[in-house]
Amino acid sequence: MVDRKIHWRCFHCGEGFTKAQERWARQHFGADEMETPVCLMRIPGEHHLLERLRRQEAELAAYRAEDTNLHRAIHAMSSDHAQALRREEERGYEKGLRDGQALALTPSEA
């Protein structure tokens, strides 16, 4: 017995999907509720769909190239941390030199 009960219905276009059509429902509605349903992307000429596809391809390419604002911020923070670490190491080295020179200048007690 096949279940023909509608489990999902798009309130934009009215298309209904059964439990057996879950794959098509996911394609229609998108990954989550923030996605634009396919029926709203279908506009005469469908150039808007192509524009959206191209924007998403560019975004994906930026993520793959690690060239997004997030990646730039991470690299900047990493660089700032490395510079701060280097400065502190140099301060410690200079302090060690000063302490060593101060010990060398004091008369040794025998």
N, C-alpha and C. Protein backbone atom coordinates (compact mmCIF):
# COMPACT_ATOMS: atom_id res chain seq x y z
N MET A 1 0.84 -1.18 0.00
CA MET A 1 0.00 0.00 0.00
C MET A 1 0.88 1.24 0.00
N VAL A 2 0.67 2.10 -0.97
CA VAL A 2 1.46 3.31 -1.11
C VAL A 2 0.78 4.45 -0.37
N ASP A 3 1.55 5.16 0.46
CA ASP A 3 1.02 6.30 1.22
C ASP A 3 1.00 7.53 0.32
N ARG A 4 -0.18 8.04 0.01
CA ARG A 4 -0.33 9.21 -0.86
C ARG A 4 -0.61 10.48 -0.05
N LYS A 5 -0.49 10.40 1.26
CA LYS A 5 -0.77 11.55 2.12
C LYS A 5 0.31 12.62 1.91
N ILE A 6 -0.09 13.85 1.75
CA ILE A 6 0.84 14.96 1.54
C ILE A 6 1.50 15.30 2.89
N HIS A 7 2.82 15.25 2.91
CA HIS A 7 3.57 15.57 4.12
C HIS A 7 4.11 17.00 4.08
N TRP A 8 4.40 17.49 2.89
CA TRP A 8 4.93 18.84 2.73
C TRP A 8 4.17 19.54 1.61
N ARG A 9 3.82 20.78 1.82
CA ARG A 9 3.16 21.56 0.77
C ARG A 9 3.79 22.95 0.77
N CYS A 10 4.15 23.38 -0.42
CA CYS A 10 4.74 24.71 -0.57
C CYS A 10 3.63 25.75 -0.58
N PHE A 11 3.71 26.72 0.32
CA PHE A 11 2.64 27.72 0.33
C PHE A 11 2.86 28.80 -0.73
N HIS A 12 3.99 28.74 -1.44
CA HIS A 12 4.22 29.68 -2.54
C HIS A 12 3.54 29.20 -3.82
N CYS A 13 3.74 27.92 -4.15
CA CYS A 13 3.21 27.41 -5.42
C CYS A 13 2.13 26.35 -5.23
N GLY A 14 1.98 25.82 -4.01
CA GLY A 14 0.95 24.83 -3.76
C GLY A 14 1.35 23.39 -4.06
N GLU A 15 2.56 23.18 -4.52
CA GLU A 15 3.00 21.82 -4.85
C GLU A 15 3.10 21.00 -3.56
N GLY A 16 2.57 19.76 -3.63
CA GLY A 16 2.59 18.87 -2.48
C GLY A 16 3.54 17.71 -2.69
N PHE A 17 4.09 17.22 -1.59
CA PHE A 17 5.05 16.12 -1.64
C PHE A 17 4.67 15.09 -0.60
N THR A 18 4.69 13.81 -1.00
CA THR A 18 4.44 12.71 -0.07
C THR A 18 5.74 12.35 0.63
N LYS A 19 5.63 11.49 1.61
CA LYS A 19 6.82 11.02 2.33
C LYS A 19 7.78 10.33 1.36
N ALA A 20 7.25 9.61 0.38
CA ALA A 20 8.09 8.92 -0.60
C ALA A 20 8.82 9.91 -1.51
N GLN A 21 8.33 11.12 -1.60
CA GLN A 21 8.95 12.14 -2.46
C GLN A 21 9.84 13.11 -1.66
N GLU A 22 10.35 12.64 -0.55
CA GLU A 22 11.15 13.51 0.32
C GLU A 22 12.34 14.12 -0.41
N ARG A 23 12.97 13.33 -1.28
CA ARG A 23 14.13 13.84 -2.04
C ARG A 23 13.74 15.05 -2.88
N TRP A 24 12.59 14.97 -3.55
CA TRP A 24 12.13 16.09 -4.38
C TRP A 24 11.72 17.29 -3.51
N ALA A 25 11.15 16.98 -2.36
CA ALA A 25 10.77 18.06 -1.44
C ALA A 25 12.02 18.82 -0.97
N ARG A 26 13.08 18.07 -0.64
CA ARG A 26 14.34 18.72 -0.22
C ARG A 26 14.91 19.58 -1.33
N GLN A 27 14.82 19.10 -2.56
CA GLN A 27 15.30 19.88 -3.69
C GLN A 27 14.43 21.13 -3.89
N HIS A 28 13.15 21.00 -3.66
CA HIS A 28 12.24 22.13 -3.86
C HIS A 28 12.45 23.20 -2.78
N PHE A 29 12.52 22.77 -1.52
CA PHE A 29 12.58 23.72 -0.41
C PHE A 29 14.00 24.18 -0.06
N GLY A 30 15.01 23.39 -0.38
CA GLY A 30 16.38 23.73 -0.01
C GLY A 30 16.80 23.05 1.27
N ALA A 31 18.01 23.34 1.70
CA ALA A 31 18.60 22.65 2.86
C ALA A 31 17.93 23.04 4.18
N ASP A 32 17.50 24.29 4.31
CA ASP A 32 16.85 24.73 5.54
C ASP A 32 15.83 25.82 5.22
N GLU A 33 15.21 26.34 6.25
CA GLU A 33 14.14 27.33 6.04
C GLU A 33 14.64 28.67 5.52
N MET A 34 15.94 28.91 5.55
CA MET A 34 16.50 30.16 5.05
C MET A 34 16.71 30.13 3.53
N GLU A 35 16.61 28.97 2.93
CA GLU A 35 16.81 28.83 1.48
C GLU A 35 15.58 29.33 0.72
N THR A 36 15.79 29.76 -0.49
CA THR A 36 14.70 30.18 -1.37
C THR A 36 14.17 28.95 -2.10
N PRO A 37 12.86 28.68 -2.02
CA PRO A 37 12.31 27.53 -2.73
C PRO A 37 12.51 27.67 -4.24
N VAL A 38 12.60 26.54 -4.91
CA VAL A 38 12.83 26.52 -6.35
C VAL A 38 11.74 27.28 -7.10
N CYS A 39 10.51 27.18 -6.63
CA CYS A 39 9.41 27.83 -7.35
C CYS A 39 9.57 29.35 -7.38
N LEU A 40 10.25 29.93 -6.39
CA LEU A 40 10.48 31.37 -6.38
C LEU A 40 11.68 31.76 -7.24
N MET A 41 12.52 30.79 -7.55
CA MET A 41 13.66 31.06 -8.42
C MET A 41 13.27 31.01 -9.88
N ARG A 42 12.18 30.34 -10.18
CA ARG A 42 11.74 30.21 -11.58
C ARG A 42 10.99 31.47 -11.99
N ILE A 43 11.69 32.29 -12.70
CA ILE A 43 11.14 33.57 -13.16
C ILE A 43 11.26 33.55 -14.67
N PRO A 44 10.32 34.14 -15.39
CA PRO A 44 10.44 34.14 -16.85
C PRO A 44 11.84 34.56 -17.30
N GLY A 45 12.43 33.75 -18.13
CA GLY A 45 13.80 33.98 -18.58
C GLY A 45 14.81 33.30 -17.67
N GLU A 46 14.43 33.03 -16.43
CA GLU A 46 15.25 32.37 -15.43
C GLU A 46 16.66 32.92 -15.31
N HIS A 47 16.85 34.19 -15.68
CA HIS A 47 18.19 34.78 -15.54
C HIS A 47 18.55 34.97 -14.07
N HIS A 48 17.54 35.14 -13.19
CA HIS A 48 17.82 35.31 -11.77
C HIS A 48 18.43 34.03 -11.18
N LEU A 49 17.96 32.89 -11.66
CA LEU A 49 18.52 31.62 -11.22
C LEU A 49 19.98 31.52 -11.62
N LEU A 50 20.29 31.93 -12.83
CA LEU A 50 21.67 31.90 -13.30
C LEU A 50 22.54 32.87 -12.50
N GLU A 51 22.00 34.07 -12.20
CA GLU A 51 22.76 35.02 -11.38
C GLU A 51 23.07 34.44 -10.01
N ARG A 52 22.08 33.84 -9.39
CA ARG A 52 22.27 33.25 -8.06
C ARG A 52 23.29 32.11 -8.12
N LEU A 53 23.19 31.28 -9.15
CA LEU A 53 24.13 30.18 -9.32
C LEU A 53 25.55 30.72 -9.45
N ARG A 54 25.74 31.76 -10.25
CA ARG A 54 27.07 32.34 -10.45
C ARG A 54 27.61 32.96 -9.17
N ARG A 55 26.75 33.63 -8.39
CA ARG A 55 27.19 34.21 -7.10
C ARG A 55 27.64 33.11 -6.15
N GLN A 56 26.89 32.02 -6.11
CA GLN A 56 27.24 30.92 -5.21
C GLN A 56 28.50 30.21 -5.68
N GLU A 57 28.69 30.11 -6.99
CA GLU A 57 29.93 29.53 -7.50
C GLU A 57 31.13 30.40 -7.10
N ALA A 58 30.98 31.72 -7.19
CA ALA A 58 32.06 32.63 -6.81
C ALA A 58 32.34 32.53 -5.32
N GLU A 59 31.30 32.42 -4.50
CA GLU A 59 31.48 32.27 -3.06
C GLU A 59 32.20 30.96 -2.73
N LEU A 60 31.80 29.88 -3.40
CA LEU A 60 32.45 28.60 -3.18
C LEU A 60 33.91 28.65 -3.60
N ALA A 61 34.19 29.30 -4.72
CA ALA A 61 35.58 29.43 -5.19
C ALA A 61 36.41 30.22 -4.18
N ALA A 62 35.83 31.27 -3.58
CA ALA A 62 36.54 32.06 -2.58
C ALA A 62 36.85 31.21 -1.35
N TYR A 63 35.90 30.37 -0.92
CA TYR A 63 36.15 29.50 0.22
C TYR A 63 37.24 28.47 -0.09
N ARG A 64 37.19 27.93 -1.29
CA ARG A 64 38.20 26.95 -1.68
C ARG A 64 39.59 27.59 -1.76
N ALA A 65 39.65 28.85 -2.17
CA ALA A 65 40.93 29.57 -2.27
C ALA A 65 41.33 30.17 -0.92
N GLU A 66 40.51 29.96 0.10
CA GLU A 66 40.73 30.53 1.43
C GLU A 66 40.94 32.04 1.33
N ASP A 67 40.05 32.70 0.59
CA ASP A 67 40.15 34.14 0.36
C ASP A 67 38.83 34.82 0.69
N THR A 68 38.35 34.59 1.91
CA THR A 68 37.13 35.25 2.36
C THR A 68 37.50 36.20 3.49
N ASN A 69 36.58 37.02 3.93
CA ASN A 69 36.84 37.93 5.05
C ASN A 69 37.23 37.15 6.30
N LEU A 70 36.61 35.99 6.50
CA LEU A 70 36.95 35.15 7.64
C LEU A 70 38.39 34.67 7.56
N HIS A 71 38.79 34.18 6.40
CA HIS A 71 40.16 33.70 6.25
C HIS A 71 41.16 34.84 6.44
N ARG A 72 40.85 36.02 5.90
CA ARG A 72 41.75 37.17 6.07
C ARG A 72 41.88 37.54 7.54
N ALA A 73 40.78 37.51 8.27
CA ALA A 73 40.81 37.84 9.70
C ALA A 73 41.63 36.81 10.47
N ILE A 74 41.49 35.55 10.13
CA ILE A 74 42.27 34.50 10.81
C ILE A 74 43.75 34.69 10.55
N HIS A 75 44.12 34.97 9.29
CA HIS A 75 45.52 35.16 8.96
C HIS A 75 46.09 36.40 9.64
N ALA A 76 45.29 37.47 9.72
CA ALA A 76 45.75 38.69 10.40
C ALA A 76 45.98 38.43 11.89
N MET A 77 45.05 37.70 12.52
CA MET A 77 45.21 37.39 13.94
C MET A 77 46.43 36.51 14.17
N SER A 78 46.65 35.56 13.30
CA SER A 78 47.81 34.68 13.41
C SER A 78 49.10 35.47 13.27
N SER A 79 49.14 36.40 12.33
CA SER A 79 50.32 37.23 12.12
C SER A 79 50.57 38.13 13.32
N ASP A 80 49.50 38.76 13.85
CA ASP A 80 49.65 39.61 15.04
C ASP A 80 50.17 38.81 16.22
N HIS A 81 49.66 37.61 16.39
CA HIS A 81 50.12 36.76 17.50
C HIS A 81 51.59 36.39 17.33
N ALA A 82 52.00 36.04 16.12
CA ALA A 82 53.40 35.67 15.87
C ALA A 82 54.32 36.86 16.13
N GLN A 83 53.92 38.06 15.74
CA GLN A 83 54.74 39.25 15.98
C GLN A 83 54.85 39.55 17.48
N ALA A 84 53.74 39.44 18.20
CA ALA A 84 53.76 39.67 19.65
C ALA A 84 54.64 38.65 20.34
N LEU A 85 54.56 37.40 19.92
CA LEU A 85 55.40 36.35 20.49
C LEU A 85 56.88 36.62 20.24
N ARG A 86 57.20 37.03 19.02
CA ARG A 86 58.59 37.35 18.67
C ARG A 86 59.11 38.52 19.51
N ARG A 87 58.29 39.57 19.71
CA ARG A 87 58.70 40.72 20.53
C ARG A 87 58.99 40.29 21.96
N GLU A 88 58.14 39.45 22.53
CA GLU A 88 58.35 38.99 23.90
C GLU A 88 59.60 38.13 24.02
N GLU A 89 59.86 37.29 23.03
CA GLU A 89 61.08 36.48 23.04
C GLU A 89 62.31 37.38 22.99
N GLU A 90 62.27 38.42 22.16
CA GLU A 90 63.40 39.35 22.07
C GLU A 90 63.60 40.12 23.37
N ARG A 91 62.51 40.50 24.04
CA ARG A 91 62.62 41.17 25.34
C ARG A 91 63.27 40.26 26.36
N GLY A 92 62.84 38.99 26.35
CA GLY A 92 63.44 38.03 27.28
C GLY A 92 64.92 37.82 27.02
N TYR A 93 65.30 37.75 25.74
CA TYR A 93 66.71 37.59 25.37
C TYR A 93 67.52 38.81 25.81
N GLU A 94 66.98 40.02 25.56
CA GLU A 94 67.68 41.24 25.97
C GLU A 94 67.83 41.32 27.48
N LYS A 95 66.80 40.90 28.20
CA LYS A 95 66.88 40.90 29.67
C LYS A 95 67.95 39.92 30.14
N GLY A 96 68.01 38.77 29.50
CA GLY A 96 69.04 37.79 29.85
C GLY A 96 70.43 38.34 29.59
N LEU A 97 70.62 39.06 28.48
CA LEU A 97 71.91 39.68 28.19
C LEU A 97 72.26 40.72 29.25
N ARG A 98 71.30 41.58 29.61
CA ARG A 98 71.56 42.61 30.64
C ARG A 98 71.90 41.97 31.98
N ASP A 99 71.15 40.93 32.35
CA ASP A 99 71.43 40.26 33.62
C ASP A 99 72.82 39.62 33.59
N GLY A 100 73.19 39.02 32.45
CA GLY A 100 74.51 38.40 32.33
C GLY A 100 75.62 39.44 32.39
N GLN A 101 75.41 40.57 31.75
CA GLN A 101 76.41 41.63 31.79
C GLN A 101 76.53 42.21 33.19
N ALA A 102 75.43 42.35 33.90
CA ALA A 102 75.46 42.87 35.26
C ALA A 102 76.23 41.92 36.16
N LEU A 103 76.07 40.63 35.97
CA LEU A 103 76.82 39.66 36.78
C LEU A 103 78.30 39.70 36.46
N ALA A 104 78.64 39.93 35.21
CA ALA A 104 80.04 39.97 34.80
C ALA A 104 80.73 41.21 35.34
N LEU A 105 79.98 42.28 35.54
CA LEU A 105 80.59 43.54 36.02
C LEU A 105 80.75 43.57 37.52
N THR A 106 80.00 42.77 38.25
CA THR A 106 80.14 42.78 39.72
C THR A 106 81.36 41.97 40.11
N PRO A 107 82.12 42.49 41.11
CA PRO A 107 83.31 41.75 41.55
C PRO A 107 82.88 40.40 42.15
N SER A 108 83.58 39.39 41.75
CA SER A 108 83.24 38.06 42.27
C SER A 108 83.86 37.89 43.64
N GLU A 109 83.11 37.28 44.49
CA GLU A 109 83.60 37.03 45.84
C GLU A 109 84.24 35.65 45.89
N ALA A 110 85.42 35.65 46.42
CA ALA A 110 86.15 34.38 46.48
C ALA A 110 86.29 33.87 47.87
